[in-house]
């Protein structure tokens, strides 16, 4: 349910674009859809995650610039800016504090050695950097429609593949428990 809620504004953006063929209109609908998503999240959970807040701010700023200047470039840069900001946050967490972001997010559910937490965090840094770069590559080298398709299906697919890979990596490093413990 959470992943559907997280991707709902992108799905709305995609649907409006496919129906209208107008990226400016799709962006104009994306902004209130993202605001509605945040309102729903706040109503249900009484909190907004930092990543959601960053995404909302960038949707409003870059989406607003897209509409104001009638220029799709701003909204096409949004996924790159989001990914690179998240990558920077994960990178900074490697040097500030005693735990990386990945460890803080997941340690309540699994126990891993410190080196593995660092490897996972580094993998996320690389993933976010690459996703930002791939987004720009698609935006500047392919049609607008291809970029819209990539924004939903390509980015989601690559993220799911990466998460599955992380799961396999994590499973190899989980502590082994004896059945007689």
N, C-alpha and C. Protein backbone atom coordinates (compact mmCIF):
# COMPACT_ATOMS: atom_id res chain seq x y z
N UNK A 1 0.82 -1.20 0.00
CA UNK A 1 0.00 0.00 0.00
C UNK A 1 0.87 1.26 0.00
N UNK A 2 1.96 1.24 0.80
CA UNK A 2 2.81 2.43 0.89
C UNK A 2 3.46 2.74 -0.45
N UNK A 3 3.94 1.70 -1.15
CA UNK A 3 4.61 1.96 -2.43
C UNK A 3 3.63 2.54 -3.45
N UNK A 4 2.38 2.08 -3.40
CA UNK A 4 1.36 2.64 -4.29
C UNK A 4 1.12 4.10 -3.95
N UNK A 5 1.02 4.40 -2.67
CA UNK A 5 0.83 5.79 -2.25
C UNK A 5 2.03 6.65 -2.64
N UNK A 6 3.23 6.10 -2.50
CA UNK A 6 4.45 6.85 -2.85
C UNK A 6 4.49 7.17 -4.35
N UNK A 7 4.01 6.25 -5.17
CA UNK A 7 4.07 6.44 -6.62
C UNK A 7 2.78 7.02 -7.21
N UNK A 8 1.77 7.26 -6.39
CA UNK A 8 0.49 7.76 -6.90
C UNK A 8 0.63 9.07 -7.68
N UNK A 9 1.35 10.08 -7.19
CA UNK A 9 1.47 11.30 -8.00
C UNK A 9 2.14 11.05 -9.36
N UNK A 10 3.13 10.17 -9.39
CA UNK A 10 3.79 9.85 -10.66
C UNK A 10 2.81 9.14 -11.60
N UNK A 11 2.00 8.25 -11.05
CA UNK A 11 1.00 7.55 -11.85
C UNK A 11 -0.03 8.54 -12.39
N UNK A 12 -0.45 9.48 -11.56
CA UNK A 12 -1.39 10.53 -12.02
C UNK A 12 -0.74 11.36 -13.12
N UNK A 13 0.51 11.77 -12.92
CA UNK A 13 1.26 12.52 -13.93
C UNK A 13 1.28 11.75 -15.24
N UNK A 14 1.62 10.47 -15.16
CA UNK A 14 1.70 9.60 -16.33
C UNK A 14 0.35 9.51 -17.03
N UNK A 15 -0.71 9.27 -16.27
CA UNK A 15 -2.05 9.13 -16.86
C UNK A 15 -2.49 10.41 -17.55
N UNK A 16 -2.29 11.55 -16.90
CA UNK A 16 -2.68 12.83 -17.51
C UNK A 16 -1.88 13.07 -18.78
N UNK A 17 -0.59 12.76 -18.74
CA UNK A 17 0.23 12.94 -19.93
C UNK A 17 -0.25 12.04 -21.07
N UNK A 18 -0.54 10.78 -20.76
CA UNK A 18 -0.98 9.83 -21.80
C UNK A 18 -2.32 10.25 -22.40
N UNK A 19 -3.21 10.80 -21.59
CA UNK A 19 -4.51 11.24 -22.08
C UNK A 19 -4.41 12.52 -22.89
N UNK A 20 -3.62 13.47 -22.38
CA UNK A 20 -3.57 14.81 -22.99
C UNK A 20 -2.38 15.01 -23.93
N UNK A 21 -1.29 14.28 -23.72
CA UNK A 21 -0.08 14.52 -24.48
C UNK A 21 0.60 15.83 -24.13
N UNK A 22 0.21 16.43 -23.00
CA UNK A 22 0.69 17.75 -22.61
C UNK A 22 1.44 17.65 -21.28
N UNK A 23 2.76 17.79 -21.33
CA UNK A 23 3.59 17.65 -20.12
C UNK A 23 3.34 18.81 -19.15
N UNK A 24 2.99 19.97 -19.66
CA UNK A 24 2.71 21.12 -18.78
C UNK A 24 1.43 20.85 -17.99
N UNK A 25 0.40 20.36 -18.65
CA UNK A 25 -0.85 20.01 -17.95
C UNK A 25 -0.58 18.89 -16.94
N UNK A 26 0.16 17.88 -17.35
CA UNK A 26 0.47 16.78 -16.44
C UNK A 26 1.20 17.29 -15.20
N UNK A 27 2.11 18.25 -15.40
CA UNK A 27 2.83 18.86 -14.28
C UNK A 27 1.89 19.66 -13.40
N UNK A 28 0.96 20.39 -14.02
CA UNK A 28 -0.02 21.18 -13.27
C UNK A 28 -0.90 20.28 -12.40
N UNK A 29 -1.14 19.07 -12.82
CA UNK A 29 -1.92 18.11 -12.03
C UNK A 29 -1.04 17.41 -10.99
N UNK A 30 0.24 17.23 -11.32
CA UNK A 30 1.18 16.58 -10.41
C UNK A 30 1.30 17.33 -9.09
N UNK A 31 1.31 18.65 -9.15
CA UNK A 31 1.52 19.45 -7.94
C UNK A 31 0.40 19.22 -6.93
N UNK A 32 -0.88 19.41 -7.28
CA UNK A 32 -1.92 19.13 -6.29
C UNK A 32 -2.02 17.65 -5.91
N UNK A 33 -1.67 16.75 -6.84
CA UNK A 33 -1.68 15.32 -6.51
C UNK A 33 -0.65 15.02 -5.42
N UNK A 34 0.51 15.65 -5.51
CA UNK A 34 1.56 15.46 -4.50
C UNK A 34 1.14 16.10 -3.18
N UNK A 35 0.53 17.27 -3.25
CA UNK A 35 0.02 17.92 -2.03
C UNK A 35 -1.06 17.05 -1.37
N UNK A 36 -1.94 16.46 -2.17
CA UNK A 36 -2.98 15.58 -1.64
C UNK A 36 -2.37 14.33 -1.00
N UNK A 37 -1.34 13.80 -1.63
CA UNK A 37 -0.63 12.65 -1.07
C UNK A 37 -0.07 12.99 0.31
N UNK A 38 0.55 14.16 0.43
CA UNK A 38 1.12 14.57 1.72
C UNK A 38 0.02 14.81 2.75
N UNK A 39 -1.08 15.40 2.33
CA UNK A 39 -2.19 15.64 3.26
C UNK A 39 -2.75 14.31 3.77
N UNK A 40 -2.91 13.35 2.86
CA UNK A 40 -3.41 12.03 3.25
C UNK A 40 -2.43 11.36 4.22
N UNK A 41 -1.14 11.42 3.91
CA UNK A 41 -0.13 10.83 4.78
C UNK A 41 -0.16 11.47 6.16
N UNK A 42 -0.27 12.78 6.20
CA UNK A 42 -0.32 13.49 7.48
C UNK A 42 -1.58 13.09 8.26
N UNK A 43 -2.70 13.00 7.58
CA UNK A 43 -3.97 12.64 8.22
C UNK A 43 -3.91 11.22 8.80
N UNK A 44 -3.30 10.28 8.04
CA UNK A 44 -3.24 8.89 8.48
C UNK A 44 -2.15 8.62 9.51
N UNK A 45 -0.97 9.25 9.34
CA UNK A 45 0.18 8.91 10.17
C UNK A 45 0.61 10.02 11.13
N UNK A 46 0.10 11.22 10.91
CA UNK A 46 0.46 12.40 11.70
C UNK A 46 1.95 12.73 11.62
N UNK A 47 2.55 12.37 10.49
CA UNK A 47 3.95 12.72 10.23
C UNK A 47 4.22 12.60 8.73
N UNK A 48 5.23 13.34 8.30
CA UNK A 48 5.70 13.29 6.92
C UNK A 48 7.18 12.95 6.98
N UNK A 49 7.61 11.96 6.19
CA UNK A 49 9.03 11.60 6.15
C UNK A 49 9.81 12.71 5.44
N UNK A 50 11.07 12.84 5.82
CA UNK A 50 11.93 13.87 5.23
C UNK A 50 12.04 13.71 3.72
N UNK A 51 12.16 12.47 3.26
CA UNK A 51 12.28 12.22 1.82
C UNK A 51 11.01 12.68 1.10
N UNK A 52 9.85 12.46 1.71
CA UNK A 52 8.59 12.91 1.10
C UNK A 52 8.54 14.43 1.06
N UNK A 53 9.00 15.06 2.10
CA UNK A 53 8.97 16.52 2.16
C UNK A 53 9.90 17.12 1.10
N UNK A 54 11.09 16.56 0.94
CA UNK A 54 12.02 17.03 -0.08
C UNK A 54 11.39 16.89 -1.46
N UNK A 55 10.76 15.74 -1.71
CA UNK A 55 10.11 15.51 -3.00
C UNK A 55 8.99 16.52 -3.22
N UNK A 56 8.18 16.77 -2.22
CA UNK A 56 7.10 17.75 -2.33
C UNK A 56 7.64 19.14 -2.67
N UNK A 57 8.66 19.57 -1.96
CA UNK A 57 9.24 20.89 -2.21
C UNK A 57 9.75 21.00 -3.65
N UNK A 58 10.43 19.95 -4.11
CA UNK A 58 10.96 19.98 -5.47
C UNK A 58 9.86 19.91 -6.53
N UNK A 59 8.80 19.16 -6.25
CA UNK A 59 7.66 19.12 -7.18
C UNK A 59 7.05 20.51 -7.29
N UNK A 60 6.86 21.17 -6.16
CA UNK A 60 6.25 22.51 -6.18
C UNK A 60 7.19 23.51 -6.87
N UNK A 61 8.47 23.50 -6.51
CA UNK A 61 9.41 24.46 -7.11
C UNK A 61 9.67 24.19 -8.59
N UNK A 62 10.08 22.97 -8.92
CA UNK A 62 10.42 22.68 -10.31
C UNK A 62 9.16 22.52 -11.18
N UNK A 63 8.11 21.97 -10.59
CA UNK A 63 6.84 21.91 -11.32
C UNK A 63 6.29 23.30 -11.57
N UNK A 64 6.38 24.15 -10.55
CA UNK A 64 5.94 25.54 -10.70
C UNK A 64 6.73 26.27 -11.77
N UNK A 65 8.05 26.04 -11.80
CA UNK A 65 8.89 26.67 -12.83
C UNK A 65 8.53 26.14 -14.22
N UNK A 66 8.21 24.86 -14.30
CA UNK A 66 7.79 24.27 -15.58
C UNK A 66 6.55 24.97 -16.11
N UNK A 67 5.59 25.19 -15.23
CA UNK A 67 4.34 25.85 -15.63
C UNK A 67 4.58 27.33 -15.92
N UNK A 68 5.27 28.00 -15.03
CA UNK A 68 5.51 29.44 -15.17
C UNK A 68 6.25 29.77 -16.46
N UNK A 69 7.29 28.99 -16.77
CA UNK A 69 8.11 29.28 -17.95
C UNK A 69 7.73 28.44 -19.17
N UNK A 70 6.69 27.58 -19.00
CA UNK A 70 6.24 26.72 -20.08
C UNK A 70 7.42 25.93 -20.66
N UNK A 71 8.21 25.34 -19.75
CA UNK A 71 9.45 24.66 -20.13
C UNK A 71 9.55 23.34 -19.37
N UNK A 72 9.48 22.23 -20.09
CA UNK A 72 9.50 20.90 -19.49
C UNK A 72 10.82 20.55 -18.81
N UNK A 73 11.87 21.28 -19.12
CA UNK A 73 13.20 20.97 -18.58
C UNK A 73 13.19 20.92 -17.07
N UNK A 74 12.46 21.82 -16.44
CA UNK A 74 12.45 21.87 -14.97
C UNK A 74 11.91 20.59 -14.37
N UNK A 75 10.78 20.10 -14.89
CA UNK A 75 10.18 18.89 -14.32
C UNK A 75 11.02 17.67 -14.70
N UNK A 76 11.70 17.73 -15.83
CA UNK A 76 12.55 16.61 -16.21
C UNK A 76 13.79 16.53 -15.31
N UNK A 77 14.21 17.63 -14.75
CA UNK A 77 15.34 17.64 -13.83
C UNK A 77 14.95 17.17 -12.42
N UNK A 78 13.67 17.20 -12.09
CA UNK A 78 13.24 16.88 -10.72
C UNK A 78 13.72 15.51 -10.25
N UNK A 79 13.55 14.42 -11.02
CA UNK A 79 14.04 13.13 -10.53
C UNK A 79 15.55 13.12 -10.29
N UNK A 80 16.29 13.83 -11.13
CA UNK A 80 17.74 13.89 -10.95
C UNK A 80 18.09 14.64 -9.67
N UNK A 81 17.46 15.78 -9.45
CA UNK A 81 17.74 16.56 -8.24
C UNK A 81 17.38 15.75 -6.99
N UNK A 82 16.22 15.09 -7.01
CA UNK A 82 15.80 14.26 -5.87
C UNK A 82 16.84 13.16 -5.63
N UNK A 83 17.20 12.43 -6.67
CA UNK A 83 18.15 11.34 -6.50
C UNK A 83 19.50 11.84 -6.01
N UNK A 84 19.98 12.92 -6.57
CA UNK A 84 21.29 13.42 -6.16
C UNK A 84 21.26 13.99 -4.74
N UNK A 85 20.16 14.60 -4.33
CA UNK A 85 20.05 15.06 -2.94
C UNK A 85 20.03 13.87 -1.97
N UNK A 86 19.29 12.82 -2.32
CA UNK A 86 19.27 11.64 -1.47
C UNK A 86 20.66 10.99 -1.42
N UNK A 87 21.33 10.92 -2.57
CA UNK A 87 22.68 10.38 -2.61
C UNK A 87 23.63 11.18 -1.73
N UNK A 88 23.50 12.51 -1.80
CA UNK A 88 24.33 13.38 -0.97
C UNK A 88 24.05 13.15 0.52
N UNK A 89 22.78 12.99 0.87
CA UNK A 89 22.42 12.74 2.27
C UNK A 89 23.03 11.42 2.75
N UNK A 90 22.95 10.38 1.93
CA UNK A 90 23.53 9.09 2.30
C UNK A 90 25.05 9.21 2.41
N UNK A 91 25.67 9.97 1.51
CA UNK A 91 27.11 10.17 1.56
C UNK A 91 27.52 10.91 2.84
N UNK A 92 26.82 11.97 3.16
CA UNK A 92 27.12 12.74 4.37
C UNK A 92 26.97 11.87 5.62
N UNK A 93 25.96 10.98 5.60
CA UNK A 93 25.76 10.11 6.77
C UNK A 93 26.94 9.17 7.00
N UNK A 94 27.77 8.97 5.97
CA UNK A 94 28.96 8.14 6.12
C UNK A 94 30.01 8.82 6.98
N UNK A 95 29.93 10.14 7.07
CA UNK A 95 30.96 10.91 7.79
C UNK A 95 30.42 11.61 9.03
N UNK A 96 29.12 11.71 9.16
CA UNK A 96 28.51 12.42 10.28
C UNK A 96 27.70 11.43 11.09
N UNK A 97 27.95 11.38 12.36
CA UNK A 97 27.22 10.46 13.22
C UNK A 97 27.86 9.09 13.21
N UNK A 98 27.34 8.24 14.07
CA UNK A 98 27.92 6.91 14.22
C UNK A 98 27.28 5.87 13.30
N UNK A 99 26.15 6.21 12.68
CA UNK A 99 25.43 5.25 11.84
C UNK A 99 25.06 5.91 10.51
N UNK A 100 25.10 5.11 9.46
CA UNK A 100 24.67 5.59 8.15
C UNK A 100 23.14 5.64 8.11
N UNK A 101 22.63 6.31 7.10
CA UNK A 101 21.16 6.39 6.96
C UNK A 101 20.56 5.00 6.80
N UNK A 102 21.19 4.15 5.99
CA UNK A 102 20.65 2.80 5.79
C UNK A 102 20.55 2.06 7.12
N UNK A 103 21.58 2.17 7.94
CA UNK A 103 21.56 1.49 9.23
C UNK A 103 20.44 2.05 10.12
N UNK A 104 20.31 3.35 10.17
CA UNK A 104 19.26 3.96 10.99
C UNK A 104 17.87 3.53 10.53
N UNK A 105 17.69 3.39 9.21
CA UNK A 105 16.38 3.01 8.69
C UNK A 105 16.05 1.53 8.91
N UNK A 106 17.07 0.67 8.91
CA UNK A 106 16.80 -0.76 8.88
C UNK A 106 17.21 -1.55 10.12
N UNK A 107 18.03 -0.96 10.99
CA UNK A 107 18.59 -1.76 12.08
C UNK A 107 17.55 -2.27 13.07
N UNK A 108 16.38 -1.67 13.11
CA UNK A 108 15.33 -2.17 13.99
C UNK A 108 14.78 -3.50 13.52
N UNK A 109 15.02 -3.83 12.25
CA UNK A 109 14.49 -5.06 11.67
C UNK A 109 15.53 -6.16 11.45
N UNK A 110 16.77 -5.75 11.22
CA UNK A 110 17.82 -6.74 10.97
C UNK A 110 19.12 -6.32 11.65
N UNK A 111 19.95 -7.32 11.91
CA UNK A 111 21.24 -7.10 12.56
C UNK A 111 22.34 -7.45 11.56
N UNK A 112 23.21 -6.47 11.30
CA UNK A 112 24.31 -6.68 10.36
C UNK A 112 25.59 -6.07 10.93
N UNK A 113 26.74 -6.57 10.51
CA UNK A 113 28.01 -5.97 10.94
C UNK A 113 28.14 -4.55 10.36
N UNK A 114 28.93 -3.72 11.03
CA UNK A 114 29.10 -2.32 10.61
C UNK A 114 29.61 -2.21 9.18
N UNK A 115 30.51 -3.09 8.78
CA UNK A 115 31.05 -3.03 7.40
C UNK A 115 29.96 -3.27 6.37
N UNK A 116 29.02 -4.13 6.67
CA UNK A 116 27.94 -4.42 5.73
C UNK A 116 27.01 -3.22 5.64
N UNK A 117 26.74 -2.57 6.77
CA UNK A 117 25.92 -1.35 6.73
C UNK A 117 26.58 -0.30 5.84
N UNK A 118 27.90 -0.17 5.95
CA UNK A 118 28.62 0.79 5.10
C UNK A 118 28.52 0.42 3.62
N UNK A 119 28.66 -0.88 3.32
CA UNK A 119 28.54 -1.32 1.93
C UNK A 119 27.14 -1.02 1.38
N UNK A 120 26.13 -1.29 2.18
CA UNK A 120 24.76 -1.00 1.74
C UNK A 120 24.57 0.49 1.50
N UNK A 121 25.07 1.30 2.41
CA UNK A 121 24.95 2.76 2.27
C UNK A 121 25.67 3.22 1.00
N UNK A 122 26.87 2.69 0.77
CA UNK A 122 27.62 3.06 -0.44
C UNK A 122 26.88 2.63 -1.71
N UNK A 123 26.25 1.48 -1.66
CA UNK A 123 25.48 1.02 -2.81
C UNK A 123 24.33 1.99 -3.12
N UNK A 124 23.67 2.48 -2.06
CA UNK A 124 22.59 3.45 -2.26
C UNK A 124 23.13 4.76 -2.83
N UNK A 125 24.28 5.19 -2.37
CA UNK A 125 24.89 6.42 -2.90
C UNK A 125 25.11 6.26 -4.41
N UNK A 126 25.72 5.16 -4.78
CA UNK A 126 25.97 4.89 -6.20
C UNK A 126 24.66 4.79 -6.98
N UNK A 127 23.69 4.09 -6.42
CA UNK A 127 22.38 3.94 -7.08
C UNK A 127 21.74 5.30 -7.33
N UNK A 128 21.70 6.15 -6.31
CA UNK A 128 21.09 7.47 -6.48
C UNK A 128 21.85 8.31 -7.52
N UNK A 129 23.17 8.24 -7.50
CA UNK A 129 23.97 8.99 -8.48
C UNK A 129 23.66 8.50 -9.90
N UNK A 130 23.64 7.19 -10.08
CA UNK A 130 23.36 6.63 -11.40
C UNK A 130 21.94 6.94 -11.87
N UNK A 131 20.98 6.82 -10.97
CA UNK A 131 19.59 7.11 -11.36
C UNK A 131 19.43 8.55 -11.82
N UNK A 132 20.09 9.47 -11.13
CA UNK A 132 20.05 10.87 -11.55
C UNK A 132 20.66 11.05 -12.93
N UNK A 133 21.79 10.41 -13.16
CA UNK A 133 22.44 10.50 -14.45
C UNK A 133 21.64 9.85 -15.56
N UNK A 134 21.08 8.68 -15.29
CA UNK A 134 20.25 7.98 -16.30
C UNK A 134 19.04 8.83 -16.65
N UNK A 135 18.42 9.45 -15.65
CA UNK A 135 17.27 10.31 -15.93
C UNK A 135 17.64 11.41 -16.92
N UNK A 136 18.76 12.08 -16.69
CA UNK A 136 19.19 13.14 -17.60
C UNK A 136 19.51 12.59 -18.99
N UNK A 137 20.15 11.43 -19.03
CA UNK A 137 20.45 10.81 -20.31
C UNK A 137 19.17 10.57 -21.11
N UNK A 138 18.16 10.00 -20.47
CA UNK A 138 16.89 9.74 -21.15
C UNK A 138 16.21 11.05 -21.53
N UNK A 139 16.20 12.02 -20.63
CA UNK A 139 15.52 13.30 -20.89
C UNK A 139 16.12 14.02 -22.09
N UNK A 140 17.44 13.96 -22.23
CA UNK A 140 18.11 14.73 -23.28
C UNK A 140 18.38 13.95 -24.57
N UNK A 141 18.21 12.64 -24.54
CA UNK A 141 18.54 11.84 -25.72
C UNK A 141 17.35 11.09 -26.33
N UNK A 142 16.20 11.19 -25.69
CA UNK A 142 15.03 10.49 -26.19
C UNK A 142 13.84 11.45 -26.21
N UNK A 143 12.75 10.98 -26.77
CA UNK A 143 11.56 11.82 -26.88
C UNK A 143 10.95 12.10 -25.51
N UNK A 144 10.13 13.12 -25.46
CA UNK A 144 9.41 13.45 -24.23
C UNK A 144 8.58 12.26 -23.76
N UNK A 145 7.90 11.60 -24.68
CA UNK A 145 7.07 10.45 -24.31
C UNK A 145 7.91 9.31 -23.73
N UNK A 146 9.09 9.07 -24.31
CA UNK A 146 9.98 8.04 -23.78
C UNK A 146 10.41 8.40 -22.36
N UNK A 147 10.71 9.69 -22.13
CA UNK A 147 11.10 10.11 -20.78
C UNK A 147 9.96 9.89 -19.79
N UNK A 148 8.73 10.23 -20.18
CA UNK A 148 7.57 10.03 -19.29
C UNK A 148 7.42 8.55 -18.97
N UNK A 149 7.54 7.69 -19.98
CA UNK A 149 7.46 6.24 -19.74
C UNK A 149 8.58 5.78 -18.81
N UNK A 150 9.79 6.29 -19.06
CA UNK A 150 10.93 5.92 -18.22
C UNK A 150 10.72 6.38 -16.78
N UNK A 151 10.18 7.58 -16.61
CA UNK A 151 9.96 8.14 -15.27
C UNK A 151 9.12 7.19 -14.42
N UNK A 152 8.10 6.58 -15.02
CA UNK A 152 7.26 5.67 -14.25
C UNK A 152 7.84 4.25 -14.28
N UNK A 153 7.96 3.68 -15.45
CA UNK A 153 8.30 2.26 -15.53
C UNK A 153 9.80 1.99 -15.36
N UNK A 154 10.63 2.80 -15.99
CA UNK A 154 12.07 2.57 -15.91
C UNK A 154 12.61 2.80 -14.52
N UNK A 155 12.27 3.94 -13.93
CA UNK A 155 12.78 4.25 -12.60
C UNK A 155 12.22 3.29 -11.55
N UNK A 156 10.94 2.98 -11.65
CA UNK A 156 10.34 2.04 -10.71
C UNK A 156 10.97 0.66 -10.87
N UNK A 157 11.12 0.22 -12.11
CA UNK A 157 11.71 -1.10 -12.37
C UNK A 157 13.15 -1.19 -11.87
N UNK A 158 13.95 -0.17 -12.17
CA UNK A 158 15.34 -0.18 -11.71
C UNK A 158 15.42 -0.15 -10.18
N UNK A 159 14.52 0.60 -9.56
CA UNK A 159 14.50 0.65 -8.09
C UNK A 159 14.13 -0.71 -7.51
N UNK A 160 13.13 -1.36 -8.07
CA UNK A 160 12.74 -2.68 -7.56
C UNK A 160 13.86 -3.70 -7.75
N UNK A 161 14.52 -3.68 -8.90
CA UNK A 161 15.65 -4.59 -9.13
C UNK A 161 16.76 -4.33 -8.13
N UNK A 162 17.05 -3.05 -7.88
CA UNK A 162 18.09 -2.70 -6.92
C UNK A 162 17.71 -3.19 -5.52
N UNK A 163 16.48 -2.98 -5.11
CA UNK A 163 16.03 -3.41 -3.79
C UNK A 163 16.11 -4.93 -3.66
N UNK A 164 15.72 -5.64 -4.70
CA UNK A 164 15.85 -7.11 -4.68
C UNK A 164 17.32 -7.52 -4.54
N UNK A 165 18.19 -6.85 -5.27
CA UNK A 165 19.62 -7.12 -5.15
C UNK A 165 20.13 -6.86 -3.75
N UNK A 166 19.65 -5.78 -3.15
CA UNK A 166 20.02 -5.48 -1.77
C UNK A 166 19.54 -6.59 -0.83
N UNK A 167 18.34 -7.09 -1.08
CA UNK A 167 17.81 -8.18 -0.26
C UNK A 167 18.66 -9.43 -0.33
N UNK A 168 19.10 -9.77 -1.54
CA UNK A 168 19.98 -10.93 -1.72
C UNK A 168 21.30 -10.70 -0.97
N UNK A 169 21.87 -9.51 -1.13
CA UNK A 169 23.13 -9.18 -0.45
C UNK A 169 22.97 -9.26 1.06
N UNK A 170 21.89 -8.68 1.57
CA UNK A 170 21.64 -8.69 3.01
C UNK A 170 21.48 -10.12 3.51
N UNK A 171 20.74 -10.95 2.77
CA UNK A 171 20.48 -12.32 3.22
C UNK A 171 21.77 -13.12 3.39
N UNK A 172 22.78 -12.79 2.61
CA UNK A 172 24.06 -13.49 2.72
C UNK A 172 24.85 -13.08 3.96
N UNK A 173 24.46 -11.98 4.58
CA UNK A 173 25.22 -11.45 5.72
C UNK A 173 24.43 -11.45 7.02
N UNK A 174 23.25 -12.03 7.01
CA UNK A 174 22.48 -12.12 8.24
C UNK A 174 23.11 -13.15 9.18
N UNK A 175 23.04 -12.88 10.47
CA UNK A 175 23.58 -13.86 11.42
C UNK A 175 22.83 -15.18 11.29
N UNK A 176 23.57 -16.27 11.33
CA UNK A 176 22.96 -17.60 11.25
C UNK A 176 22.57 -18.04 12.66
N UNK A 177 21.33 -18.45 12.81
CA UNK A 177 20.85 -18.91 14.11
C UNK A 177 20.72 -20.43 14.09
N UNK A 178 21.21 -21.04 15.14
CA UNK A 178 21.11 -22.48 15.29
C UNK A 178 19.69 -22.81 15.70
N UNK A 179 19.12 -23.88 15.12
CA UNK A 179 17.74 -24.25 15.43
C UNK A 179 17.55 -24.61 16.89
N UNK A 180 18.62 -24.96 17.59
CA UNK A 180 18.52 -25.38 18.99
C UNK A 180 18.74 -24.22 19.96
N UNK A 181 18.92 -23.00 19.43
CA UNK A 181 19.14 -21.83 20.32
C UNK A 181 17.89 -21.48 21.07
